[in-house]
Protein backbone atom coordinates (compact mmCIF):
# COMPACT_ATOMS: atom_id res chain seq x y z
CA UNK A 1 6.65 35.75 -105.24
CA UNK A 2 3.19 34.33 -105.16
CA UNK A 3 0.12 36.18 -106.31
CA UNK A 4 -3.47 35.32 -105.30
CA UNK A 5 -6.74 36.26 -106.85
CA UNK A 6 -9.68 37.08 -104.54
CA UNK A 7 -12.90 36.00 -106.11
CA UNK A 8 -16.47 37.06 -105.42
CA UNK A 9 -17.85 34.43 -103.00
CA UNK A 10 -21.13 32.59 -103.52
CA UNK A 11 -23.93 34.15 -101.43
CA UNK A 12 -26.79 31.83 -102.19
CA UNK A 13 -28.23 29.74 -105.00
CA UNK A 14 -30.09 32.65 -106.59
CA UNK A 15 -27.42 35.38 -106.15
CA UNK A 16 -25.28 35.57 -109.27
CA UNK A 17 -23.64 38.97 -108.84
CA UNK A 18 -22.78 41.64 -106.27
CA UNK A 19 -22.04 45.39 -106.43
CA UNK A 20 -18.94 46.76 -104.77
CA UNK A 21 -20.15 49.54 -102.49
CA UNK A 22 -16.92 50.32 -100.69
CA UNK A 23 -13.22 49.36 -100.85
CA UNK A 24 -12.07 48.98 -97.24
CA UNK A 25 -8.45 48.46 -98.35
CA UNK A 26 -6.49 50.50 -100.89
CA UNK A 27 -3.78 49.38 -103.27
CA UNK A 28 -0.55 48.94 -101.37
CA UNK A 29 -2.27 48.11 -98.08
CA UNK A 30 -1.30 44.99 -96.17
CA UNK A 31 -4.24 42.62 -95.67
CA UNK A 32 -4.45 39.91 -93.07
CA UNK A 33 -6.38 36.64 -93.39
CA UNK A 34 -10.07 37.14 -92.73
CA UNK A 35 -9.67 40.95 -92.65
CA UNK A 36 -12.44 42.74 -94.56
CA UNK A 37 -11.22 43.94 -97.91
CA UNK A 38 -14.44 45.15 -99.57
CA UNK A 39 -18.06 45.81 -98.78
CA UNK A 40 -20.67 44.57 -101.23
CA UNK A 41 -24.37 44.64 -101.86
CA UNK A 42 -26.79 42.33 -103.63
CA UNK A 43 -30.54 42.59 -104.27
CA UNK A 44 -31.01 40.50 -101.11
CA UNK A 45 -28.32 41.31 -98.57
CA UNK A 46 -25.42 43.65 -97.78
CA UNK A 47 -22.20 42.00 -96.65
CA UNK A 48 -18.47 42.25 -96.15
CA UNK A 49 -15.93 40.09 -97.94
CA UNK A 50 -12.93 39.01 -95.86
CA UNK A 51 -9.64 38.17 -97.49
CA UNK A 52 -8.89 34.43 -97.65
CA UNK A 53 -5.20 35.22 -98.03
CA UNK A 54 -2.46 37.32 -96.48
CA UNK A 55 -0.51 39.83 -98.47
CA UNK A 56 -0.47 43.25 -100.10
CA UNK A 57 -3.37 44.47 -102.21
CA UNK A 58 -1.51 45.22 -105.43
CA UNK A 59 -4.51 45.57 -107.77
CA UNK A 60 -8.17 46.43 -107.66
CA UNK A 61 -9.86 44.91 -110.66
CA UNK A 62 -13.06 46.90 -110.15
CA UNK A 63 -14.03 50.21 -108.77
CA UNK A 64 -16.78 51.16 -106.34
CA UNK A 65 -20.19 50.83 -108.06
CA UNK A 66 -19.06 48.05 -110.42
CA UNK A 67 -20.98 44.77 -110.62
CA UNK A 68 -18.98 41.57 -110.18
CA UNK A 69 -20.15 38.13 -111.11
CA UNK A 70 -19.97 35.40 -108.48
CA UNK A 71 -16.72 33.44 -108.87
CA UNK A 72 -14.92 36.15 -110.74
CA UNK A 73 -11.72 37.69 -109.31
CA UNK A 74 -12.02 41.31 -108.11
CA UNK A 75 -8.61 41.90 -106.48
CA UNK A 76 -5.02 40.69 -106.59
CA UNK A 77 -2.89 40.09 -103.47
CA UNK A 78 0.87 39.58 -103.52
CA UNK A 79 3.35 38.34 -100.88
CA UNK A 80 5.46 41.39 -101.58
CA UNK A 81 4.31 44.97 -101.95
CA UNK A 82 6.60 45.75 -104.95
CA UNK A 83 5.77 42.63 -106.84
CA UNK A 84 4.41 43.38 -110.30
CA UNK A 85 0.96 42.08 -111.14
CA UNK A 86 1.03 39.56 -113.92
CA UNK A 87 -2.47 39.51 -115.14
CA UNK A 88 -3.81 39.44 -118.60
CA UNK A 89 -5.15 42.60 -120.28
CA UNK A 90 -8.80 43.06 -119.39
CA UNK A 91 -11.72 44.95 -120.76
CA UNK A 92 -14.84 45.88 -118.87
CA UNK A 93 -18.30 45.00 -120.03
CA UNK A 94 -21.11 47.57 -119.68
CA UNK A 95 -22.12 46.06 -116.36
CA UNK A 96 -18.60 46.34 -114.98
CA UNK A 97 -17.61 42.69 -115.45
CA UNK A 98 -13.90 42.16 -116.28
CA UNK A 99 -13.35 40.09 -119.41
CA UNK A 100 -10.00 38.42 -119.91
CA UNK A 101 -8.50 38.15 -123.34
CA UNK A 102 -6.15 35.33 -122.36
CA UNK A 103 -5.55 33.02 -119.42
CA UNK A 104 -4.34 34.49 -116.18
CA UNK A 105 -0.72 33.62 -115.24
CA UNK A 106 -1.16 33.90 -111.46
CA UNK A 107 -1.44 30.97 -109.08
CA UNK A 108 -4.58 28.93 -108.84
CA UNK A 109 -7.65 30.64 -107.37
CA UNK A 110 -9.19 29.36 -104.14
CA UNK A 111 -12.49 30.56 -102.64
CA UNK A 112 -11.91 28.80 -99.34
CA UNK A 113 -10.23 30.43 -96.38
CA UNK A 114 -6.78 29.71 -95.04
CA UNK A 115 -6.11 26.28 -93.52
CA UNK A 116 -5.92 27.88 -90.12
CA UNK A 117 -9.55 28.93 -90.12
CA UNK A 118 -12.00 27.27 -87.70
CA UNK A 119 -14.13 24.25 -88.50
CA UNK A 120 -17.00 26.67 -89.23
CA UNK A 121 -15.24 27.55 -92.51
CA UNK A 122 -13.79 24.16 -93.43
CA UNK A 123 -16.60 21.77 -92.59
CA UNK A 124 -19.34 21.19 -95.12
CA UNK A 125 -22.86 22.45 -94.47
CA UNK A 126 -26.15 22.12 -96.27
CA UNK A 127 -26.86 25.74 -95.39
CA UNK A 128 -25.21 28.77 -96.89
CA UNK A 129 -23.24 31.09 -94.65
CA UNK A 130 -21.66 34.31 -95.89
CA UNK A 131 -17.95 34.89 -95.33
CA UNK A 132 -18.79 37.55 -92.77
CA UNK A 133 -20.96 35.19 -90.76
CA UNK A 134 -18.27 32.50 -90.90
CA UNK A 135 -15.66 34.98 -89.79
CA UNK A 136 -17.70 36.05 -86.77
CA UNK A 137 -18.43 32.44 -85.93
CA UNK A 138 -14.73 31.65 -86.05
CA UNK A 139 -13.78 34.57 -83.82
CA UNK A 140 -16.50 33.74 -81.24
CA UNK A 141 -15.76 29.98 -81.24
CA UNK A 142 -19.16 28.91 -82.70
CA UNK A 143 -18.78 25.41 -84.30
CA UNK A 144 -20.65 24.59 -87.51
CA UNK A 145 -23.14 22.36 -85.72
CA UNK A 146 -24.13 25.27 -83.44
CA UNK A 147 -24.15 27.77 -86.25
CA UNK A 148 -26.56 25.66 -88.24
CA UNK A 149 -29.06 25.86 -85.34
CA UNK A 150 -29.22 29.65 -85.45
CA UNK A 151 -32.59 30.84 -86.85
CA UNK A 152 -31.98 33.12 -89.83
CA UNK A 153 -34.07 36.19 -90.63
CA UNK A 154 -32.64 36.74 -94.10
CA UNK A 155 -34.05 35.61 -97.38
CA UNK A 156 -35.00 31.89 -97.39
CA UNK A 157 -33.93 31.74 -93.76
CA UNK A 158 -30.37 32.88 -94.34
CA UNK A 159 -28.30 33.64 -91.21
CA UNK A 160 -27.26 37.27 -91.26
CA UNK A 161 -24.69 39.24 -89.28
CA UNK A 162 -27.52 40.57 -87.04
CA UNK A 163 -28.75 37.02 -86.40
CA UNK A 164 -25.29 35.90 -85.22
CA UNK A 165 -24.77 38.99 -83.00
CA UNK A 166 -28.22 38.56 -81.48
CA UNK A 167 -27.49 34.91 -80.88
CA UNK A 168 -24.15 35.78 -79.21
CA UNK A 169 -25.91 38.20 -76.92
CA UNK A 170 -28.37 35.51 -75.80
CA UNK A 171 -25.54 32.95 -75.57
CA UNK A 172 -23.54 35.24 -73.27
CA UNK A 173 -26.55 35.79 -71.00
CA UNK A 174 -27.29 32.07 -70.82
CA UNK A 175 -30.62 32.18 -72.66
CA UNK A 176 -29.62 29.61 -75.21
CA UNK A 177 -27.93 26.21 -74.97
CA UNK A 178 -24.52 26.04 -76.63
CA UNK A 179 -23.20 23.04 -78.48
CA UNK A 180 -21.02 22.25 -75.41
CA UNK A 181 -24.10 22.35 -73.13
CA UNK A 182 -25.95 19.93 -75.46
CA UNK A 183 -23.01 17.56 -75.61
CA UNK A 184 -22.82 17.50 -71.82
CA UNK A 185 -26.49 16.64 -71.58
CA UNK A 186 -26.23 13.97 -74.28
CA UNK A 187 -23.37 12.42 -72.40
CA UNK A 188 -25.26 12.54 -69.09
CA UNK A 189 -28.48 11.02 -70.42
CA UNK A 190 -28.59 7.45 -71.86
CA UNK A 191 -29.31 6.97 -75.51
CA UNK A 192 -32.73 5.47 -74.60
CA UNK A 193 -33.72 8.88 -73.35
CA UNK A 194 -32.72 10.81 -76.48
CA UNK A 195 -36.31 11.99 -76.94
CA UNK A 196 -36.11 14.03 -73.79
CA UNK A 197 -32.51 15.19 -74.27
CA UNK A 198 -33.38 18.30 -76.24
CA UNK A 199 -35.78 19.49 -73.56
CA UNK A 200 -33.31 18.65 -70.88
CA UNK A 201 -30.56 20.50 -72.61
CA UNK A 202 -32.58 23.74 -72.76
CA UNK A 203 -34.16 23.40 -69.35
CA UNK A 204 -30.82 22.68 -67.70
CA UNK A 205 -29.46 26.11 -68.67
CA UNK A 206 -29.74 28.70 -65.90
CA UNK A 207 -31.45 31.82 -67.17
CA UNK A 208 -29.39 34.79 -65.99
CA UNK A 209 -31.43 37.83 -65.07
CA UNK A 210 -30.31 41.15 -66.59
CA UNK A 211 -28.57 43.76 -64.44
CA UNK A 212 -31.03 46.39 -63.27
CA UNK A 213 -29.77 49.93 -62.81
CA UNK A 214 -30.81 51.97 -59.78
CA UNK A 215 -31.43 55.64 -60.36
CA UNK A 216 -31.50 58.50 -57.90
CA UNK A 217 -34.67 58.56 -55.90
CA UNK A 218 -35.55 54.95 -56.55
CA UNK A 219 -36.80 52.98 -53.54
CA UNK A 220 -35.50 49.50 -52.93
CA UNK A 221 -38.09 47.10 -51.39
CA UNK A 222 -36.91 43.74 -50.10
CA UNK A 223 -39.16 40.92 -51.21
CA UNK A 224 -40.64 38.90 -48.42
CA UNK A 225 -40.30 35.17 -48.38
CA UNK A 226 -43.77 34.47 -49.86
CA UNK A 227 -43.24 36.92 -52.75
CA UNK A 228 -39.95 35.19 -53.59
CA UNK A 229 -41.69 31.79 -53.62
CA UNK A 230 -44.46 33.14 -55.81
CA UNK A 231 -41.93 34.69 -58.24
CA UNK A 232 -39.95 31.45 -58.54
CA UNK A 233 -43.12 29.40 -59.02
CA UNK A 234 -44.42 31.64 -61.78
CA UNK A 235 -41.21 31.68 -63.70
CA UNK A 236 -40.98 27.93 -63.32
CA UNK A 237 -44.49 27.40 -64.60
CA UNK A 238 -43.92 29.46 -67.79
CA UNK A 239 -40.63 27.61 -68.33
CA UNK A 240 -42.23 24.20 -67.94
CA UNK A 241 -45.55 24.52 -69.80
CA UNK A 242 -46.35 26.10 -73.16
CA UNK A 243 -49.30 28.28 -72.19
CA UNK A 244 -52.34 28.73 -74.38
CA UNK A 245 -55.40 30.81 -73.33
CA UNK A 246 -58.95 30.46 -74.67
CA UNK A 247 -61.82 32.82 -73.93
CA UNK A 248 -65.62 32.62 -73.91
CA UNK A 249 -68.30 35.12 -72.86
CA UNK A 250 -71.06 33.73 -70.75
CA UNK A 251 -74.54 35.11 -70.02
CA UNK A 252 -74.72 34.73 -66.22
CA UNK A 253 -77.99 36.62 -65.76
CA UNK A 254 -79.70 33.65 -64.13
CA UNK A 255 -76.87 33.23 -61.69
CA UNK A 256 -76.91 36.91 -60.73
CA UNK A 257 -80.76 37.05 -60.31
CA UNK A 258 -80.82 33.78 -58.31
CA UNK A 259 -78.13 34.89 -55.95
CA UNK A 260 -79.82 38.24 -55.37
CA UNK A 261 -83.08 36.44 -54.60
CA UNK A 262 -81.67 33.90 -52.09
CA UNK A 263 -78.59 35.54 -50.48
CA UNK A 264 -80.44 37.04 -47.44
CA UNK A 265 -82.34 33.86 -46.73
CA UNK A 266 -79.14 31.84 -47.19
CA UNK A 267 -77.15 33.99 -44.76
CA UNK A 268 -79.99 33.87 -42.17
CA UNK A 269 -80.26 30.11 -42.39
CA UNK A 270 -76.62 29.06 -42.83
CA UNK A 271 -74.93 31.99 -41.17
CA UNK A 272 -72.87 32.23 -44.30
CA UNK A 273 -72.60 34.73 -47.10
CA UNK A 274 -72.86 33.21 -50.55
CA UNK A 275 -70.50 34.65 -53.17
CA UNK A 276 -70.14 33.73 -56.81
CA UNK A 277 -67.06 31.59 -56.15
CA UNK A 278 -68.83 28.42 -54.92
CA UNK A 279 -71.20 28.72 -57.87
CA UNK A 280 -68.26 28.90 -60.28
CA UNK A 281 -66.62 25.90 -58.54
CA UNK A 282 -69.79 23.80 -58.79
CA UNK A 283 -69.95 24.42 -62.57
CA UNK A 284 -66.17 23.71 -62.94
CA UNK A 285 -66.56 20.41 -61.11
CA UNK A 286 -69.41 19.33 -63.42
CA UNK A 287 -67.34 20.23 -66.50
CA UNK A 288 -64.32 18.30 -65.15
CA UNK A 289 -66.48 15.23 -64.80
CA UNK A 290 -67.49 15.70 -68.48
CA UNK A 291 -63.83 16.26 -69.51
CA UNK A 292 -61.67 14.31 -67.00
CA UNK A 293 -58.49 14.76 -69.11
CA UNK A 294 -58.37 18.42 -67.92
CA UNK A 295 -57.78 16.99 -64.36
CA UNK A 296 -54.34 15.63 -65.06
CA UNK A 297 -50.60 16.20 -64.55
CA UNK A 298 -47.51 15.39 -66.58
CA UNK A 299 -44.71 13.50 -64.84
CA UNK A 300 -41.15 14.69 -64.61
CA UNK A 301 -39.97 12.72 -67.67
CA UNK A 302 -42.69 14.28 -69.82
CA UNK A 303 -43.57 10.78 -71.05
CA UNK A 304 -46.48 9.90 -68.74
CA UNK A 305 -49.85 11.51 -67.97
CA UNK A 306 -51.22 11.20 -64.45
CA UNK A 307 -55.04 11.18 -64.50
CA UNK A 308 -56.28 12.39 -61.11
CA UNK A 309 -58.94 10.41 -59.22
CA UNK A 310 -59.88 13.27 -56.93
CA UNK A 311 -61.15 16.67 -57.95
CA UNK A 312 -59.40 19.19 -55.73
CA UNK A 313 -60.11 22.83 -56.62
CA UNK A 314 -57.65 25.52 -55.70
CA UNK A 315 -59.01 28.99 -55.31
CA UNK A 316 -56.52 31.88 -55.67
CA UNK A 317 -56.92 34.33 -52.82
CA UNK A 318 -55.28 37.77 -52.50
CA UNK A 319 -53.86 38.53 -49.10
CA UNK A 320 -53.75 41.97 -47.34
CA UNK A 321 -50.00 41.98 -47.91
CA UNK A 322 -50.57 41.92 -51.65
CA UNK A 323 -49.29 38.36 -51.94
CA UNK A 324 -51.30 35.46 -53.34
CA UNK A 325 -52.11 32.07 -51.88
CA UNK A 326 -54.12 29.15 -53.24
CA UNK A 327 -56.03 27.14 -50.62
CA UNK A 328 -57.48 23.89 -51.87
CA UNK A 329 -60.98 22.44 -51.54
CA UNK A 330 -60.40 18.73 -51.38
CA UNK A 331 -62.90 16.36 -53.09
CA UNK A 332 -64.98 19.30 -54.29
CA UNK A 333 -67.20 16.94 -56.27
CA UNK A 334 -68.45 15.39 -53.02
CA UNK A 335 -69.79 18.71 -51.69
CA UNK A 336 -73.08 20.36 -52.52
CA UNK A 337 -73.43 24.17 -52.96
CA UNK A 338 -73.85 24.75 -49.21
CA UNK A 339 -70.70 22.69 -48.49
CA UNK A 340 -68.75 24.49 -51.14
CA UNK A 341 -69.84 27.88 -49.78
CA UNK A 342 -68.74 27.00 -46.25
CA UNK A 343 -65.42 25.66 -47.49
CA UNK A 344 -64.76 28.73 -49.64
CA UNK A 345 -65.60 31.18 -46.82
CA UNK A 346 -63.58 29.21 -44.26
CA UNK A 347 -60.46 28.93 -46.40
CA UNK A 348 -60.66 32.54 -47.56
CA UNK A 349 -61.05 33.82 -43.96
CA UNK A 350 -58.17 31.73 -42.54
CA UNK A 351 -56.01 32.66 -45.53
CA UNK A 352 -56.38 36.35 -44.64
CA UNK A 353 -55.61 35.58 -41.00
CA UNK A 354 -52.53 33.49 -41.97
CA UNK A 355 -54.04 30.42 -40.25
CA UNK A 356 -54.05 27.93 -43.08
CA UNK A 357 -52.47 24.54 -42.48
CA UNK A 358 -49.78 23.30 -44.85
CA UNK A 359 -51.99 20.51 -46.16
CA UNK A 360 -54.67 23.05 -47.07
CA UNK A 361 -52.57 24.65 -49.78
CA UNK A 362 -51.39 21.38 -51.33
CA UNK A 363 -52.81 18.68 -53.58
CA UNK A 364 -54.83 20.90 -55.98
CA UNK A 365 -55.73 19.41 -59.37
CA UNK A 366 -57.38 22.52 -60.92
CA UNK A 367 -57.33 26.19 -59.99
CA UNK A 368 -59.86 29.02 -60.16
CA UNK A 369 -58.87 32.67 -60.01
CA UNK A 370 -61.42 35.51 -59.97
CA UNK A 371 -59.87 38.53 -61.60
CA UNK A 372 -63.30 40.13 -61.60
CA UNK A 373 -62.70 40.99 -57.94
CA UNK A 374 -60.36 43.73 -59.14
CA UNK A 375 -62.71 45.07 -61.81
CA UNK A 376 -60.82 43.20 -64.62
CA UNK A 377 -62.81 42.00 -67.61
CA UNK A 378 -60.55 39.02 -68.30
CA UNK A 379 -57.10 37.67 -67.65
CA UNK A 380 -54.50 35.19 -68.88
CA UNK A 381 -53.54 33.33 -65.66
CA UNK A 382 -50.37 31.27 -65.19
CA UNK A 383 -50.85 27.59 -64.58
CA UNK A 384 -50.35 26.41 -60.99
CA UNK A 385 -47.89 23.55 -61.48
CA UNK A 386 -48.11 20.59 -61.65
CA UNK A 387 -51.70 21.15 -62.83
CA UNK A 388 -52.41 21.66 -66.58
CA UNK A 389 -55.17 24.30 -66.47
CA UNK A 390 -56.39 27.35 -64.57
CA UNK A 391 -59.62 29.23 -65.15
CA UNK A 392 -60.07 32.96 -64.62
CA UNK A 393 -63.51 34.64 -64.19
CA UNK A 394 -63.84 38.30 -65.11
CA UNK A 395 -66.11 41.03 -63.68
CA UNK A 396 -69.83 40.71 -64.36
CA UNK A 397 -71.11 43.62 -66.41
CA UNK A 398 -74.50 44.60 -67.76
CA UNK A 399 -74.42 44.66 -71.52
CA UNK A 400 -76.93 44.68 -74.35
CA UNK A 401 -77.12 41.20 -75.84
CA UNK A 402 -79.16 39.37 -78.43
CA UNK A 403 -81.35 36.67 -76.90
CA UNK A 404 -83.49 34.12 -78.68
CA UNK A 405 -87.19 33.80 -77.77
CA UNK A 406 -90.14 31.87 -79.27
CA UNK A 407 -91.25 35.19 -80.67
CA UNK A 408 -87.90 35.81 -82.36
CA UNK A 409 -84.56 37.44 -81.54
CA UNK A 410 -84.51 40.50 -79.37
CA UNK A 411 -82.01 42.76 -77.59
CA UNK A 412 -82.02 42.85 -73.81
CA UNK A 413 -79.82 44.00 -70.97
CA UNK A 414 -77.95 40.88 -69.67
CA UNK A 415 -75.30 40.15 -67.11
CA UNK A 416 -72.25 39.07 -69.08
CA UNK A 417 -68.93 37.67 -67.94
CA UNK A 418 -65.73 36.55 -69.71
CA UNK A 419 -64.13 33.22 -68.76
CA UNK A 420 -60.54 32.51 -69.74
CA UNK A 421 -58.76 29.19 -69.51
CA UNK A 422 -54.99 28.90 -69.64
CA UNK A 423 -53.84 25.33 -70.37
CA UNK A 424 -50.68 23.31 -70.92
CA UNK A 425 -50.46 22.76 -74.66
CA UNK A 426 -48.22 19.74 -74.18
CA UNK A 427 -51.20 17.63 -73.22
CA UNK A 428 -54.27 19.83 -73.61
CA UNK A 429 -55.14 20.67 -77.23
CA UNK A 430 -57.41 23.52 -78.33
CA UNK A 431 -60.31 21.08 -78.78
CA UNK A 432 -60.19 19.85 -75.23
CA UNK A 433 -59.40 23.23 -73.67
CA UNK A 434 -62.02 25.07 -75.71
CA UNK A 435 -64.67 22.41 -75.21
CA UNK A 436 -64.13 22.36 -71.45
CA UNK A 437 -64.29 26.08 -71.15
CA UNK A 438 -67.49 26.22 -73.21
CA UNK A 439 -69.02 23.58 -70.98
CA UNK A 440 -68.33 25.60 -67.83
CA UNK A 441 -70.06 28.54 -69.52
CA UNK A 442 -72.95 26.31 -70.53
CA UNK A 443 -73.52 25.23 -66.93
CA UNK A 444 -73.51 28.86 -65.75
CA UNK A 445 -75.93 29.93 -68.48
CA UNK A 446 -78.27 27.03 -67.69
CA UNK A 447 -78.42 27.88 -63.99
CA UNK A 448 -81.88 27.24 -62.57
CA UNK A 449 -83.27 30.56 -61.37
CA UNK A 450 -85.83 28.70 -59.32
CA UNK A 451 -83.31 26.41 -57.61
CA UNK A 452 -83.95 25.63 -53.93
CA UNK A 453 -81.25 25.99 -51.38
């Protein structure tokens, strides 16, 4: 008739004691392996203690509210309900700790779980996992290697019950790669490509979309083909590139005044209306020549950078249907302002009429989007893959600004505009992205108000 002591498990290097907050089982109750027997609390975490043995709870050594030292027994289990408890007389210390006056005569104490527990419990780990976390991992089939990858929100990064449950929810929806998925990828990819295996493992997992309820009165609108393509492209871009966005505010007063001065003459002579877009593109092209590493792409293996020879500027255009298309001005650096204006107007017009050729929406190396057309001050655009950067121009507004003059600083009404650059942080660091964006603003601010057309 074996008896087993259940001891207070270790819950971390700095946790030396725990308070019993609730007995889940009463004396005389039958307890299964890994079944919760008591709830405890420490100064860092609340937890449940599962039984490492099977049997009847024949003796509680502490009552609710008592403090138990780590490693000390707090309950006795027996294989038979009627078995007498052969423990030594005890006395309680002021903090509730049981002190034994002579050795215990029960069988040896073990803090590990039954031999039938999963590898999560039996394998050694450099990280601490509470018995509750181990029990959940065992029930859900999470191996130790996978459990160690779960990011903990507890003290010193400890994995809590909530962390495991949150991970399981993502795991079920396919948002995280399981150990099995990673093993499949490692088997598929040669050892020489181990650097890319982690990325491949995560990117190979299909992200399952959540179920969307439909309520009374809701209208269901079928996406057209173009909208489906845009949606897939946007999701893919965010999945492929870590996006970072930088902002600058530019004083474009000279640009505004110059355009107002020449627009009628320009339209009369060229039979074309000049907008701000070709001006923006000219400044972008100049900045790309100064910072050519913004005009690049990353190959599929993520190990090579492709530096583009040509500067092909895509210009995002909104269509009457509400969709978006990006026609491309090829070799924009070979065109003057008049040539850029004609190209912009031609592509924009044929985009609205759905008359663009397939080649005219391909081959872009950098994209411009003008969110100011919709009255927006700024935006954080999504990169048009396989490019590594996209620039958004905001609406131009009159604002009081400090300007420097030979006579000293003064406040004046200026035409101000925000520029925002989203870039791929795999290959474009803040220094390059920020410097490039600032250079575009510098070219706009330095616009010659007396420039001839």
